[in-house]
Amino acid sequence: MADRRNETTTICGTDLHILKGDVPAVEDGRILGHKGVGTITEVGSAVTGLTIGDRAIDVDRSRVEQAKRFGATDSVVSTGAGWKDQVMALTDSLGVDFAIEAVGIPETFAMVLCIVRPAGHVA
């Protein structure tokens, strides 16, 4: 168990569709944003990889599994140790052709910038 003090929330792709009016069931005035970002305030004895004071972004590991079902051949969980090294190893140290930043905070944007190859694309 780990507790996080939420400091902000971000929007996701579904929220963008709502803002564009693609989801008519959502009425005007709805408050959007449900991706929590904050600081770890407590860590249980079974938790590894997080310590009090760490900044934390909600990561849904089921998305990695979903990507595999859609045909992804490799995956890296960005909260895991050595995530950047894993990406670079998969790309012969060149970086990825395309990097998609979908969380909307400076930390994750910086992550995609450091793994995209020269002349690669960031979305």
PDB file of N, CA and C in Angstrom:
ATOM      1  N   MET A   1       0.837  -1.167   0.000  1.00  0.00           N
ATOM      2  CA  MET A   1       0.000   0.000   0.000  1.00  0.00           C
ATOM      3  C   MET A   1       0.884   1.232   0.000  1.00  0.00           C
ATOM      4  N   ALA A   2       0.523   2.199  -0.827  1.00  0.00           N
ATOM      5  CA  ALA A   2       1.187   3.501  -0.833  1.00  0.00           C
ATOM      6  C   ALA A   2       0.107   4.568  -0.908  1.00  0.00           C
ATOM      7  N   ASP A   3       0.278   5.627  -0.148  1.00  0.00           N
ATOM      8  CA  ASP A   3      -0.647   6.754  -0.201  1.00  0.00           C
ATOM      9  C   ASP A   3       0.011   7.902  -0.948  1.00  0.00           C
ATOM     10  N   ARG A   4      -0.820   8.621  -1.696  1.00  0.00           N
ATOM     11  CA  ARG A   4      -0.341   9.757  -2.464  1.00  0.00           C
ATOM     12  C   ARG A   4      -1.206  10.968  -2.120  1.00  0.00           C
ATOM     13  N   ARG A   5      -0.551  12.100  -1.885  1.00  0.00           N
ATOM     14  CA  ARG A   5      -1.273  13.360  -1.709  1.00  0.00           C
ATOM     15  C   ARG A   5      -1.440  13.965  -3.106  1.00  0.00           C
ATOM     16  N   ASN A   6      -2.674  14.001  -3.577  1.00  0.00           N
ATOM     17  CA  ASN A   6      -2.932  14.551  -4.909  1.00  0.00           C
ATOM     18  C   ASN A   6      -2.667  16.045  -4.917  1.00  0.00           C
ATOM     19  N   GLU A   7      -1.931  16.478  -5.940  1.00  0.00           N
ATOM     20  CA  GLU A   7      -1.619  17.892  -6.102  1.00  0.00           C
ATOM     21  C   GLU A   7      -2.301  18.479  -7.327  1.00  0.00           C
ATOM     22  N   THR A   8      -2.594  17.630  -8.283  1.00  0.00           N
ATOM     23  CA  THR A   8      -3.268  18.094  -9.488  1.00  0.00           C
ATOM     24  C   THR A   8      -3.877  16.887 -10.194  1.00  0.00           C
ATOM     25  N   THR A   9      -4.718  17.158 -11.136  1.00  0.00           N
ATOM     26  CA  THR A   9      -5.217  16.100 -12.002  1.00  0.00           C
ATOM     27  C   THR A   9      -5.019  16.545 -13.441  1.00  0.00           C
ATOM     28  N   THR A  10      -4.941  15.572 -14.315  1.00  0.00           N
ATOM     29  CA  THR A  10      -4.787  15.876 -15.734  1.00  0.00           C
ATOM     30  C   THR A  10      -5.920  15.218 -16.494  1.00  0.00           C
ATOM     31  N   ILE A  11      -6.051  15.599 -17.753  1.00  0.00           N
ATOM     32  CA  ILE A  11      -7.102  15.026 -18.579  1.00  0.00           C
ATOM     33  C   ILE A  11      -6.531  13.890 -19.417  1.00  0.00           C
ATOM     34  N   CYS A  12      -7.411  13.096 -19.989  1.00  0.00           N
ATOM     35  CA  CYS A  12      -6.998  11.990 -20.851  1.00  0.00           C
ATOM     36  C   CYS A  12      -7.681  12.136 -22.208  1.00  0.00           C
ATOM     37  N   GLY A  13      -7.470  11.164 -23.068  1.00  0.00           N
ATOM     38  CA  GLY A  13      -8.039  11.197 -24.402  1.00  0.00           C
ATOM     39  C   GLY A  13      -9.553  11.288 -24.410  1.00  0.00           C
ATOM     40  N   THR A  14     -10.193  10.591 -23.498  1.00  0.00           N
ATOM     41  CA  THR A  14     -11.654  10.651 -23.428  1.00  0.00           C
ATOM     42  C   THR A  14     -12.117  12.067 -23.116  1.00  0.00           C
ATOM     43  N   ASP A  15     -11.396  12.729 -22.219  1.00  0.00           N
ATOM     44  CA  ASP A  15     -11.749  14.114 -21.888  1.00  0.00           C
ATOM     45  C   ASP A  15     -11.652  15.014 -23.112  1.00  0.00           C
ATOM     46  N   LEU A  16     -10.660  14.770 -23.955  1.00  0.00           N
ATOM     47  CA  LEU A  16     -10.523  15.572 -25.171  1.00  0.00           C
ATOM     48  C   LEU A  16     -11.718  15.370 -26.095  1.00  0.00           C
ATOM     49  N   HIS A  17     -12.196  14.127 -26.191  1.00  0.00           N
ATOM     50  CA  HIS A  17     -13.388  13.862 -27.001  1.00  0.00           C
ATOM     51  C   HIS A  17     -14.609  14.582 -26.422  1.00  0.00           C
ATOM     52  N   ILE A  18     -14.703  14.600 -25.101  1.00  0.00           N
ATOM     53  CA  ILE A  18     -15.809  15.304 -24.453  1.00  0.00           C
ATOM     54  C   ILE A  18     -15.741  16.793 -24.788  1.00  0.00           C
ATOM     55  N   LEU A  19     -14.546  17.370 -24.686  1.00  0.00           N
ATOM     56  CA  LEU A  19     -14.382  18.788 -24.980  1.00  0.00           C
ATOM     57  C   LEU A  19     -14.748  19.132 -26.427  1.00  0.00           C
ATOM     58  N   LYS A  20     -14.484  18.194 -27.347  1.00  0.00           N
ATOM     59  CA  LYS A  20     -14.822  18.418 -28.754  1.00  0.00           C
ATOM     60  C   LYS A  20     -16.303  18.203 -29.025  1.00  0.00           C
ATOM     61  N   GLY A  21     -17.040  17.667 -28.052  1.00  0.00           N
ATOM     62  CA  GLY A  21     -18.464  17.431 -28.246  1.00  0.00           C
ATOM     63  C   GLY A  21     -18.790  16.068 -28.813  1.00  0.00           C
ATOM     64  N   ASP A  22     -17.807  15.165 -28.811  1.00  0.00           N
ATOM     65  CA  ASP A  22     -18.013  13.822 -29.361  1.00  0.00           C
ATOM     66  C   ASP A  22     -18.790  12.888 -28.434  1.00  0.00           C
ATOM     67  N   VAL A  23     -19.030  13.310 -27.203  1.00  0.00           N
ATOM     68  CA  VAL A  23     -19.737  12.471 -26.229  1.00  0.00           C
ATOM     69  C   VAL A  23     -20.961  13.254 -25.754  1.00  0.00           C
ATOM     70  N   PRO A  24     -22.058  13.176 -26.508  1.00  0.00           N
ATOM     71  CA  PRO A  24     -23.224  14.017 -26.200  1.00  0.00           C
ATOM     72  C   PRO A  24     -23.872  13.716 -24.846  1.00  0.00           C
ATOM     73  N   ALA A  25     -23.611  12.549 -24.277  1.00  0.00           N
ATOM     74  CA  ALA A  25     -24.214  12.220 -22.985  1.00  0.00           C
ATOM     75  C   ALA A  25     -23.641  13.062 -21.852  1.00  0.00           C
ATOM     76  N   VAL A  26     -22.476  13.658 -22.062  1.00  0.00           N
ATOM     77  CA  VAL A  26     -21.851  14.493 -21.037  1.00  0.00           C
ATOM     78  C   VAL A  26     -22.358  15.916 -21.200  1.00  0.00           C
ATOM     79  N   GLU A  27     -22.988  16.417 -20.159  1.00  0.00           N
ATOM     80  CA  GLU A  27     -23.587  17.751 -20.201  1.00  0.00           C
ATOM     81  C   GLU A  27     -22.539  18.832 -19.974  1.00  0.00           C
ATOM     82  N   ASP A  28     -22.797  20.017 -20.522  1.00  0.00           N
ATOM     83  CA  ASP A  28     -21.923  21.164 -20.290  1.00  0.00           C
ATOM     84  C   ASP A  28     -21.771  21.407 -18.797  1.00  0.00           C
ATOM     85  N   GLY A  29     -20.573  21.830 -18.408  1.00  0.00           N
ATOM     86  CA  GLY A  29     -20.322  22.130 -17.005  1.00  0.00           C
ATOM     87  C   GLY A  29     -19.669  20.994 -16.240  1.00  0.00           C
ATOM     88  N   ARG A  30     -19.560  19.821 -16.865  1.00  0.00           N
ATOM     89  CA  ARG A  30     -18.932  18.682 -16.197  1.00  0.00           C
ATOM     90  C   ARG A  30     -17.458  18.987 -15.956  1.00  0.00           C
ATOM     91  N   ILE A  31     -16.973  18.703 -14.763  1.00  0.00           N
ATOM     92  CA  ILE A  31     -15.561  18.906 -14.446  1.00  0.00           C
ATOM     93  C   ILE A  31     -14.789  17.691 -14.952  1.00  0.00           C
ATOM     94  N   LEU A  32     -13.789  17.956 -15.784  1.00  0.00           N
ATOM     95  CA  LEU A  32     -13.001  16.881 -16.371  1.00  0.00           C
ATOM     96  C   LEU A  32     -11.679  16.729 -15.633  1.00  0.00           C
ATOM     97  N   GLY A  33     -11.031  15.592 -15.861  1.00  0.00           N
ATOM     98  CA  GLY A  33      -9.726  15.329 -15.261  1.00  0.00           C
ATOM     99  C   GLY A  33      -9.838  14.276 -14.179  1.00  0.00           C
ATOM    100  N   HIS A  34      -9.126  13.185 -14.354  1.00  0.00           N
ATOM    101  CA  HIS A  34      -9.176  12.121 -13.352  1.00  0.00           C
ATOM    102  C   HIS A  34      -7.852  11.385 -13.221  1.00  0.00           C
ATOM    103  N   LYS A  35      -6.812  11.869 -13.857  1.00  0.00           N
ATOM    104  CA  LYS A  35      -5.487  11.259 -13.760  1.00  0.00           C
ATOM    105  C   LYS A  35      -4.732  11.988 -12.652  1.00  0.00           C
ATOM    106  N   GLY A  36      -4.624  11.354 -11.506  1.00  0.00           N
ATOM    107  CA  GLY A  36      -4.025  11.997 -10.345  1.00  0.00           C
ATOM    108  C   GLY A  36      -2.509  12.074 -10.411  1.00  0.00           C
ATOM    109  N   VAL A  37      -1.983  13.199  -9.972  1.00  0.00           N
ATOM    110  CA  VAL A  37      -0.545  13.415  -9.865  1.00  0.00           C
ATOM    111  C   VAL A  37      -0.291  13.965  -8.478  1.00  0.00           C
ATOM    112  N   GLY A  38       0.700  13.417  -7.792  1.00  0.00           N
ATOM    113  CA  GLY A  38       0.970  13.903  -6.450  1.00  0.00           C
ATOM    114  C   GLY A  38       2.269  13.371  -5.889  1.00  0.00           C
ATOM    115  N   THR A  39       2.392  13.459  -4.587  1.00  0.00           N
ATOM    116  CA  THR A  39       3.601  13.053  -3.876  1.00  0.00           C
ATOM    117  C   THR A  39       3.269  11.911  -2.929  1.00  0.00           C
ATOM    118  N   ILE A  40       4.126  10.886  -2.923  1.00  0.00           N
ATOM    119  CA  ILE A  40       3.950   9.743  -2.037  1.00  0.00           C
ATOM    120  C   ILE A  40       4.150  10.205  -0.593  1.00  0.00           C
ATOM    121  N   THR A  41       3.167   9.920   0.264  1.00  0.00           N
ATOM    122  CA  THR A  41       3.230  10.347   1.660  1.00  0.00           C
ATOM    123  C   THR A  41       3.414   9.184   2.632  1.00  0.00           C
ATOM    124  N   GLU A  42       3.127   7.967   2.165  1.00  0.00           N
ATOM    125  CA  GLU A  42       3.263   6.790   3.035  1.00  0.00           C
ATOM    126  C   GLU A  42       3.507   5.577   2.151  1.00  0.00           C
ATOM    127  N   VAL A  43       4.399   4.685   2.606  1.00  0.00           N
ATOM    128  CA  VAL A  43       4.717   3.481   1.843  1.00  0.00           C
ATOM    129  C   VAL A  43       4.670   2.281   2.772  1.00  0.00           C
ATOM    130  N   GLY A  44       3.905   1.258   2.369  1.00  0.00           N
ATOM    131  CA  GLY A  44       3.826   0.037   3.149  1.00  0.00           C
ATOM    132  C   GLY A  44       5.052  -0.839   2.946  1.00  0.00           C
ATOM    133  N   SER A  45       5.201  -1.833   3.798  1.00  0.00           N
ATOM    134  CA  SER A  45       6.396  -2.679   3.767  1.00  0.00           C
ATOM    135  C   SER A  45       6.502  -3.530   2.504  1.00  0.00           C
ATOM    136  N   ALA A  46       5.399  -3.798   1.837  1.00  0.00           N
ATOM    137  CA  ALA A  46       5.433  -4.633   0.625  1.00  0.00           C
ATOM    138  C   ALA A  46       5.688  -3.833  -0.647  1.00  0.00           C
ATOM    139  N   VAL A  47       5.756  -2.512  -0.544  1.00  0.00           N
ATOM    140  CA  VAL A  47       5.920  -1.660  -1.725  1.00  0.00           C
ATOM    141  C   VAL A  47       7.393  -1.529  -2.072  1.00  0.00           C
ATOM    142  N   THR A  48       7.704  -1.748  -3.354  1.00  0.00           N
ATOM    143  CA  THR A  48       9.069  -1.537  -3.834  1.00  0.00           C
ATOM    144  C   THR A  48       9.031  -0.502  -4.949  1.00  0.00           C
ATOM    145  N   GLY A  49      10.090   0.249  -5.086  1.00  0.00           N
ATOM    146  CA  GLY A  49      10.194   1.206  -6.171  1.00  0.00           C
ATOM    147  C   GLY A  49       9.617   2.575  -5.886  1.00  0.00           C
ATOM    148  N   LEU A  50       9.003   2.761  -4.732  1.00  0.00           N
ATOM    149  CA  LEU A  50       8.472   4.066  -4.340  1.00  0.00           C
ATOM    150  C   LEU A  50       8.954   4.396  -2.938  1.00  0.00           C
ATOM    151  N   THR A  51       9.266   5.657  -2.712  1.00  0.00           N
ATOM    152  CA  THR A  51       9.629   6.107  -1.373  1.00  0.00           C
ATOM    153  C   THR A  51       8.872   7.388  -1.072  1.00  0.00           C
ATOM    154  N   ILE A  52       8.757   7.691   0.203  1.00  0.00           N
ATOM    155  CA  ILE A  52       8.082   8.918   0.618  1.00  0.00           C
ATOM    156  C   ILE A  52       8.777  10.107  -0.041  1.00  0.00           C
ATOM    157  N   GLY A  53       7.985  10.983  -0.633  1.00  0.00           N
ATOM    158  CA  GLY A  53       8.505  12.159  -1.305  1.00  0.00           C
ATOM    159  C   GLY A  53       8.580  12.012  -2.816  1.00  0.00           C
ATOM    160  N   ASP A  54       8.481  10.769  -3.331  1.00  0.00           N
ATOM    161  CA  ASP A  54       8.484  10.574  -4.782  1.00  0.00           C
ATOM    162  C   ASP A  54       7.266  11.224  -5.402  1.00  0.00           C
ATOM    163  N   ARG A  55       7.452  11.790  -6.606  1.00  0.00           N
ATOM    164  CA  ARG A  55       6.314  12.276  -7.386  1.00  0.00           C
ATOM    165  C   ARG A  55       5.729  11.076  -8.105  1.00  0.00           C
ATOM    166  N   ALA A  56       4.429  10.959  -8.143  1.00  0.00           N
ATOM    167  CA  ALA A  56       3.797   9.774  -8.723  1.00  0.00           C
ATOM    168  C   ALA A  56       2.681  10.151  -9.682  1.00  0.00           C
ATOM    169  N   ILE A  57       2.634   9.428 -10.829  1.00  0.00           N
ATOM    170  CA  ILE A  57       1.587   9.570 -11.844  1.00  0.00           C
ATOM    171  C   ILE A  57       0.825   8.261 -11.871  1.00  0.00           C
ATOM    172  N   ASP A  58      -0.487   8.327 -11.930  1.00  0.00           N
ATOM    173  CA  ASP A  58      -1.267   7.098 -12.064  1.00  0.00           C
ATOM    174  C   ASP A  58      -0.827   6.341 -13.306  1.00  0.00           C
ATOM    175  N   VAL A  59      -0.452   5.094 -13.122  1.00  0.00           N
ATOM    176  CA  VAL A  59      -0.072   4.241 -14.245  1.00  0.00           C
ATOM    177  C   VAL A  59      -0.980   3.028 -14.216  1.00  0.00           C
ATOM    178  N   ASP A  60      -1.640   2.796 -15.307  1.00  0.00           N
ATOM    179  CA  ASP A  60      -2.547   1.663 -15.415  1.00  0.00           C
ATOM    180  C   ASP A  60      -1.841   0.585 -16.213  1.00  0.00           C
ATOM    181  N   ARG A  61      -1.283  -0.402 -15.513  1.00  0.00           N
ATOM    182  CA  ARG A  61      -0.527  -1.463 -16.172  1.00  0.00           C
ATOM    183  C   ARG A  61      -1.403  -2.266 -17.137  1.00  0.00           C
ATOM    184  N   SER A  62      -2.713  -2.212 -16.955  1.00  0.00           N
ATOM    185  CA  SER A  62      -3.572  -2.950 -17.881  1.00  0.00           C
ATOM    186  C   SER A  62      -3.486  -2.365 -19.289  1.00  0.00           C
ATOM    187  N   ARG A  63      -3.059  -1.103 -19.404  1.00  0.00           N
ATOM    188  CA  ARG A  63      -2.902  -0.507 -20.732  1.00  0.00           C
ATOM    189  C   ARG A  63      -1.777  -1.185 -21.512  1.00  0.00           C
ATOM    190  N   VAL A  64      -0.746  -1.600 -20.798  1.00  0.00           N
ATOM    191  CA  VAL A  64       0.343  -2.322 -21.457  1.00  0.00           C
ATOM    192  C   VAL A  64      -0.184  -3.649 -21.991  1.00  0.00           C
ATOM    193  N   GLU A  65      -0.974  -4.336 -21.195  1.00  0.00           N
ATOM    194  CA  GLU A  65      -1.553  -5.604 -21.644  1.00  0.00           C
ATOM    195  C   GLU A  65      -2.499  -5.389 -22.817  1.00  0.00           C
ATOM    196  N   GLN A  66      -3.262  -4.311 -22.772  1.00  0.00           N
ATOM    197  CA  GLN A  66      -4.165  -3.995 -23.885  1.00  0.00           C
ATOM    198  C   GLN A  66      -3.367  -3.724 -25.157  1.00  0.00           C
ATOM    199  N   ALA A  67      -2.264  -3.010 -25.034  1.00  0.00           N
ATOM    200  CA  ALA A  67      -1.419  -2.727 -26.198  1.00  0.00           C
ATOM    201  C   ALA A  67      -0.907  -4.025 -26.813  1.00  0.00           C
ATOM    202  N   LYS A  68      -0.560  -4.990 -25.975  1.00  0.00           N
ATOM    203  CA  LYS A  68      -0.104  -6.290 -26.487  1.00  0.00           C
ATOM    204  C   LYS A  68      -1.223  -6.993 -27.246  1.00  0.00           C
ATOM    205  N   ARG A  69      -2.453  -6.879 -26.747  1.00  0.00           N
ATOM    206  CA  ARG A  69      -3.585  -7.494 -27.452  1.00  0.00           C
ATOM    207  C   ARG A  69      -3.809  -6.839 -28.812  1.00  0.00           C
ATOM    208  N   PHE A  70      -3.442  -5.558 -28.929  1.00  0.00           N
ATOM    209  CA  PHE A  70      -3.584  -4.850 -30.197  1.00  0.00           C
ATOM    210  C   PHE A  70      -2.391  -5.075 -31.123  1.00  0.00           C
ATOM    211  N   GLY A  71      -1.400  -5.820 -30.644  1.00  0.00           N
ATOM    212  CA  GLY A  71      -0.281  -6.159 -31.512  1.00  0.00           C
ATOM    213  C   GLY A  71       1.068  -5.601 -31.124  1.00  0.00           C
ATOM    214  N   ALA A  72       1.169  -4.919 -30.004  1.00  0.00           N
ATOM    215  CA  ALA A  72       2.476  -4.422 -29.571  1.00  0.00           C
ATOM    216  C   ALA A  72       3.407  -5.614 -29.355  1.00  0.00           C
ATOM    217  N   THR A  73       4.611  -5.512 -29.871  1.00  0.00           N
ATOM    218  CA  THR A  73       5.561  -6.610 -29.732  1.00  0.00           C
ATOM    219  C   THR A  73       6.451  -6.452 -28.513  1.00  0.00           C
ATOM    220  N   ASP A  74       6.641  -5.229 -28.052  1.00  0.00           N
ATOM    221  CA  ASP A  74       7.471  -4.950 -26.887  1.00  0.00           C
ATOM    222  C   ASP A  74       6.760  -3.923 -26.023  1.00  0.00           C
ATOM    223  N   SER A  75       7.075  -3.929 -24.736  1.00  0.00           N
ATOM    224  CA  SER A  75       6.471  -2.939 -23.849  1.00  0.00           C
ATOM    225  C   SER A  75       7.443  -2.583 -22.735  1.00  0.00           C
ATOM    226  N   VAL A  76       7.312  -1.361 -22.260  1.00  0.00           N
ATOM    227  CA  VAL A  76       8.112  -0.862 -21.156  1.00  0.00           C
ATOM    228  C   VAL A  76       7.178  -0.076 -20.259  1.00  0.00           C
ATOM    229  N   VAL A  77       7.198  -0.354 -18.974  1.00  0.00           N
ATOM    230  CA  VAL A  77       6.403   0.401 -18.012  1.00  0.00           C
ATOM    231  C   VAL A  77       7.268   1.554 -17.516  1.00  0.00           C
ATOM    232  N   SER A  78       6.824   2.767 -17.774  1.00  0.00           N
ATOM    233  CA  SER A  78       7.655   3.943 -17.534  1.00  0.00           C
ATOM    234  C   SER A  78       7.955   4.205 -16.067  1.00  0.00           C
ATOM    235  N   THR A  79       7.244   3.565 -15.162  1.00  0.00           N
ATOM    236  CA  THR A  79       7.550   3.759 -13.745  1.00  0.00           C
ATOM    237  C   THR A  79       8.553   2.740 -13.243  1.00  0.00           C
ATOM    238  N   GLY A  80       8.898   1.774 -14.088  1.00  0.00           N
ATOM    239  CA  GLY A  80       9.860   0.751 -13.696  1.00  0.00           C
ATOM    240  C   GLY A  80      11.288   1.274 -13.742  1.00  0.00           C
ATOM    241  N   ALA A  81      12.141   0.633 -12.960  1.00  0.00           N
ATOM    242  CA  ALA A  81      13.555   1.008 -12.959  1.00  0.00           C
ATOM    243  C   ALA A  81      14.151   0.732 -14.330  1.00  0.00           C
ATOM    244  N   GLY A  82      14.963   1.633 -14.812  1.00  0.00           N
ATOM    245  CA  GLY A  82      15.658   1.440 -16.067  1.00  0.00           C
ATOM    246  C   GLY A  82      14.784   1.505 -17.296  1.00  0.00           C
ATOM    247  N   TRP A  83      13.639   2.175 -17.209  1.00  0.00           N
ATOM    248  CA  TRP A  83      12.717   2.226 -18.348  1.00  0.00           C
ATOM    249  C   TRP A  83      13.385   2.806 -19.589  1.00  0.00           C
ATOM    250  N   LYS A  84      14.180   3.873 -19.420  1.00  0.00           N
ATOM    251  CA  LYS A  84      14.829   4.490 -20.573  1.00  0.00           C
ATOM    252  C   LYS A  84      15.846   3.530 -21.188  1.00  0.00           C
ATOM    253  N   ASP A  85      16.626   2.871 -20.361  1.00  0.00           N
ATOM    254  CA  ASP A  85      17.599   1.903 -20.865  1.00  0.00           C
ATOM    255  C   ASP A  85      16.908   0.779 -21.624  1.00  0.00           C
ATOM    256  N   GLN A  86      15.735   0.366 -21.143  1.00  0.00           N
ATOM    257  CA  GLN A  86      14.984  -0.686 -21.833  1.00  0.00           C
ATOM    258  C   GLN A  86      14.564  -0.220 -23.227  1.00  0.00           C
ATOM    259  N   VAL A  87      14.074   1.016 -23.310  1.00  0.00           N
ATOM    260  CA  VAL A  87      13.652   1.555 -24.606  1.00  0.00           C
ATOM    261  C   VAL A  87      14.844   1.636 -25.548  1.00  0.00           C
ATOM    262  N   MET A  88      15.947   2.157 -25.060  1.00  0.00           N
ATOM    263  CA  MET A  88      17.111   2.315 -25.918  1.00  0.00           C
ATOM    264  C   MET A  88      17.658   0.955 -26.363  1.00  0.00           C
ATOM    265  N   ALA A  89      17.595  -0.049 -25.503  1.00  0.00           N
ATOM    266  CA  ALA A  89      18.045  -1.392 -25.878  1.00  0.00           C
ATOM    267  C   ALA A  89      17.165  -1.972 -26.984  1.00  0.00           C
ATOM    268  N   LEU A  90      15.881  -1.684 -26.938  1.00  0.00           N
ATOM    269  CA  LEU A  90      14.956  -2.185 -27.965  1.00  0.00           C
ATOM    270  C   LEU A  90      15.145  -1.491 -29.314  1.00  0.00           C
ATOM    271  N   THR A  91      15.810  -0.336 -29.302  1.00  0.00           N
ATOM    272  CA  THR A  91      15.944   0.458 -30.535  1.00  0.00           C
ATOM    273  C   THR A  91      17.398   0.627 -30.957  1.00  0.00           C
ATOM    274  N   ASP A  92      18.270  -0.305 -30.530  1.00  0.00           N
ATOM    275  CA  ASP A  92      19.696  -0.215 -30.866  1.00  0.00           C
ATOM    276  C   ASP A  92      20.282   1.140 -30.490  1.00  0.00           C
ATOM    277  N   SER A  93      19.833   1.675 -29.382  1.00  0.00           N
ATOM    278  CA  SER A  93      20.287   2.964 -28.833  1.00  0.00           C
ATOM    279  C   SER A  93      19.952   4.171 -29.698  1.00  0.00           C
ATOM    280  N   LEU A  94      19.062   3.989 -30.672  1.00  0.00           N
ATOM    281  CA  LEU A  94      18.680   5.099 -31.548  1.00  0.00           C
ATOM    282  C   LEU A  94      17.495   5.888 -31.019  1.00  0.00           C
ATOM    283  N   GLY A  95      16.641   5.261 -30.242  1.00  0.00           N
ATOM    284  CA  GLY A  95      15.405   5.884 -29.784  1.00  0.00           C
ATOM    285  C   GLY A  95      14.243   5.482 -30.680  1.00  0.00           C
ATOM    286  N   VAL A  96      13.053   5.840 -30.284  1.00  0.00           N
ATOM    287  CA  VAL A  96      11.842   5.427 -30.992  1.00  0.00           C
ATOM    288  C   VAL A  96      11.526   6.370 -32.148  1.00  0.00           C
ATOM    289  N   ASP A  97      10.829   5.835 -33.140  1.00  0.00           N
ATOM    290  CA  ASP A  97      10.387   6.663 -34.265  1.00  0.00           C
ATOM    291  C   ASP A  97       9.281   7.620 -33.847  1.00  0.00           C
ATOM    292  N   PHE A  98       8.356   7.142 -33.009  1.00  0.00           N
ATOM    293  CA  PHE A  98       7.211   7.923 -32.550  1.00  0.00           C
ATOM    294  C   PHE A  98       7.095   7.790 -31.039  1.00  0.00           C
ATOM    295  N   ALA A  99       6.890   8.890 -30.355  1.00  0.00           N
ATOM    296  CA  ALA A  99       6.638   8.882 -28.916  1.00  0.00           C
ATOM    297  C   ALA A  99       5.366   9.678 -28.674  1.00  0.00           C
ATOM    298  N   ILE A 100       4.426   9.086 -27.962  1.00  0.00           N
ATOM    299  CA  ILE A 100       3.146   9.740 -27.697  1.00  0.00           C
ATOM    300  C   ILE A 100       3.074  10.078 -26.214  1.00  0.00           C
ATOM    301  N   GLU A 101       2.953  11.351 -25.916  1.00  0.00           N
ATOM    302  CA  GLU A 101       2.788  11.807 -24.537  1.00  0.00           C
ATOM    303  C   GLU A 101       1.299  12.013 -24.319  1.00  0.00           C
ATOM    304  N   ALA A 102       0.733  11.233 -23.408  1.00  0.00           N
ATOM    305  CA  ALA A 102      -0.719  11.284 -23.226  1.00  0.00           C
ATOM    306  C   ALA A 102      -1.130  11.615 -21.803  1.00  0.00           C
ATOM    307  N   VAL A 103      -0.189  11.973 -20.951  1.00  0.00           N
ATOM    308  CA  VAL A 103      -0.524  12.277 -19.558  1.00  0.00           C
ATOM    309  C   VAL A 103      -0.711  13.772 -19.355  1.00  0.00           C
ATOM    310  N   GLY A 104       0.114  14.565 -19.989  1.00  0.00           N
ATOM    311  CA  GLY A 104      -0.076  16.006 -19.943  1.00  0.00           C
ATOM    312  C   GLY A 104       0.634  16.740 -18.835  1.00  0.00           C
ATOM    313  N   ILE A 105       1.750  16.193 -18.355  1.00  0.00           N
ATOM    314  CA  ILE A 105       2.522  16.911 -17.336  1.00  0.00           C
ATOM    315  C   ILE A 105       3.968  17.033 -17.811  1.00  0.00           C
ATOM    316  N   PRO A 106       4.708  18.012 -17.308  1.00  0.00           N
ATOM    317  CA  PRO A 106       6.074  18.231 -17.781  1.00  0.00           C
ATOM    318  C   PRO A 106       6.981  17.004 -17.669  1.00  0.00           C
ATOM    319  N   GLU A 107       6.843  16.222 -16.602  1.00  0.00           N
ATOM    320  CA  GLU A 107       7.715  15.057 -16.423  1.00  0.00           C
ATOM    321  C   GLU A 107       7.568  14.051 -17.556  1.00  0.00           C
ATOM    322  N   THR A 108       6.339  13.761 -17.956  1.00  0.00           N
ATOM    323  CA  THR A 108       6.148  12.774 -19.014  1.00  0.00           C
ATOM    324  C   THR A 108       6.518  13.348 -20.377  1.00  0.00           C
ATOM    325  N   PHE A 109       6.360  14.634 -20.571  1.00  0.00           N
ATOM    326  CA  PHE A 109       6.797  15.247 -21.815  1.00  0.00           C
ATOM    327  C   PHE A 109       8.319  15.157 -21.925  1.00  0.00           C
ATOM    328  N   ALA A 110       9.021  15.405 -20.816  1.00  0.00           N
ATOM    329  CA  ALA A 110      10.481  15.283 -20.818  1.00  0.00           C
ATOM    330  C   ALA A 110      10.897  13.844 -21.122  1.00  0.00           C
ATOM    331  N   MET A 111      10.112  12.878 -20.640  1.00  0.00           N
ATOM    332  CA  MET A 111      10.425  11.470 -20.901  1.00  0.00           C
ATOM    333  C   MET A 111      10.385  11.165 -22.396  1.00  0.00           C
ATOM    334  N   VAL A 112       9.337  11.605 -23.075  1.00  0.00           N
ATOM    335  CA  VAL A 112       9.242  11.284 -24.505  1.00  0.00           C
ATOM    336  C   VAL A 112      10.345  11.985 -25.291  1.00  0.00           C
ATOM    337  N   LEU A 113      10.739  13.166 -24.863  1.00  0.00           N
ATOM    338  CA  LEU A 113      11.797  13.874 -25.586  1.00  0.00           C
ATOM    339  C   LEU A 113      13.137  13.155 -25.488  1.00  0.00           C
ATOM    340  N   CYS A 114      13.365  12.436 -24.398  1.00  0.00           N
ATOM    341  CA  CYS A 114      14.661  11.775 -24.246  1.00  0.00           C
ATOM    342  C   CYS A 114      14.701  10.386 -24.882  1.00  0.00           C
ATOM    343  N   ILE A 115      13.585   9.889 -25.408  1.00  0.00           N
ATOM    344  CA  ILE A 115      13.616   8.572 -26.048  1.00  0.00           C
ATOM    345  C   ILE A 115      13.320   8.613 -27.542  1.00  0.00           C
ATOM    346  N   VAL A 116      12.963   9.753 -28.083  1.00  0.00           N
ATOM    347  CA  VAL A 116      12.668   9.835 -29.516  1.00  0.00           C
ATOM    348  C   VAL A 116      13.976  10.026 -30.281  1.00  0.00           C
ATOM    349  N   ARG A 117      14.103   9.303 -31.382  1.00  0.00           N
ATOM    350  CA  ARG A 117      15.341   9.368 -32.181  1.00  0.00           C
ATOM    351  C   ARG A 117      15.413  10.680 -32.961  1.00  0.00           C
ATOM    352  N   PRO A 118      16.596  11.050 -33.431  1.00  0.00           N
ATOM    353  CA  PRO A 118      16.697  12.234 -34.288  1.00  0.00           C
ATOM    354  C   PRO A 118      15.758  12.113 -35.470  1.00  0.00           C
ATOM    355  N   ALA A 119      15.043  13.167 -35.772  1.00  0.00           N
ATOM    356  CA  ALA A 119      14.030  13.224 -36.828  1.00  0.00           C
ATOM    357  C   ALA A 119      12.810  12.370 -36.499  1.00  0.00           C
ATOM    358  N   GLY A 120      12.704  11.903 -35.249  1.00  0.00           N
ATOM    359  CA  GLY A 120      11.506  11.175 -34.814  1.00  0.00           C
ATOM    360  C   GLY A 120      10.369  12.136 -34.549  1.00  0.00           C
ATOM    361  N   HIS A 121       9.244  11.593 -34.165  1.00  0.00           N
ATOM    362  CA  HIS A 121       8.037  12.410 -33.971  1.00  0.00           C
ATOM    363  C   HIS A 121       7.501  12.258 -32.549  1.00  0.00           C
ATOM    364  N   VAL A 122       7.068  13.370 -31.992  1.00  0.00           N
ATOM    365  CA  VAL A 122       6.425  13.398 -30.672  1.00  0.00           C
ATOM    366  C   VAL A 122       5.006  13.899 -30.866  1.00  0.00           C
ATOM    367  N   ALA A 123       4.067  13.186 -30.293  1.00  0.00           N
ATOM    368  CA  ALA A 123       2.661  13.602 -30.364  1.00  0.00           C
ATOM    369  C   ALA A 123       2.107  13.668 -28.960  1.00  0.00           C
TER     370      ALA A 123
END
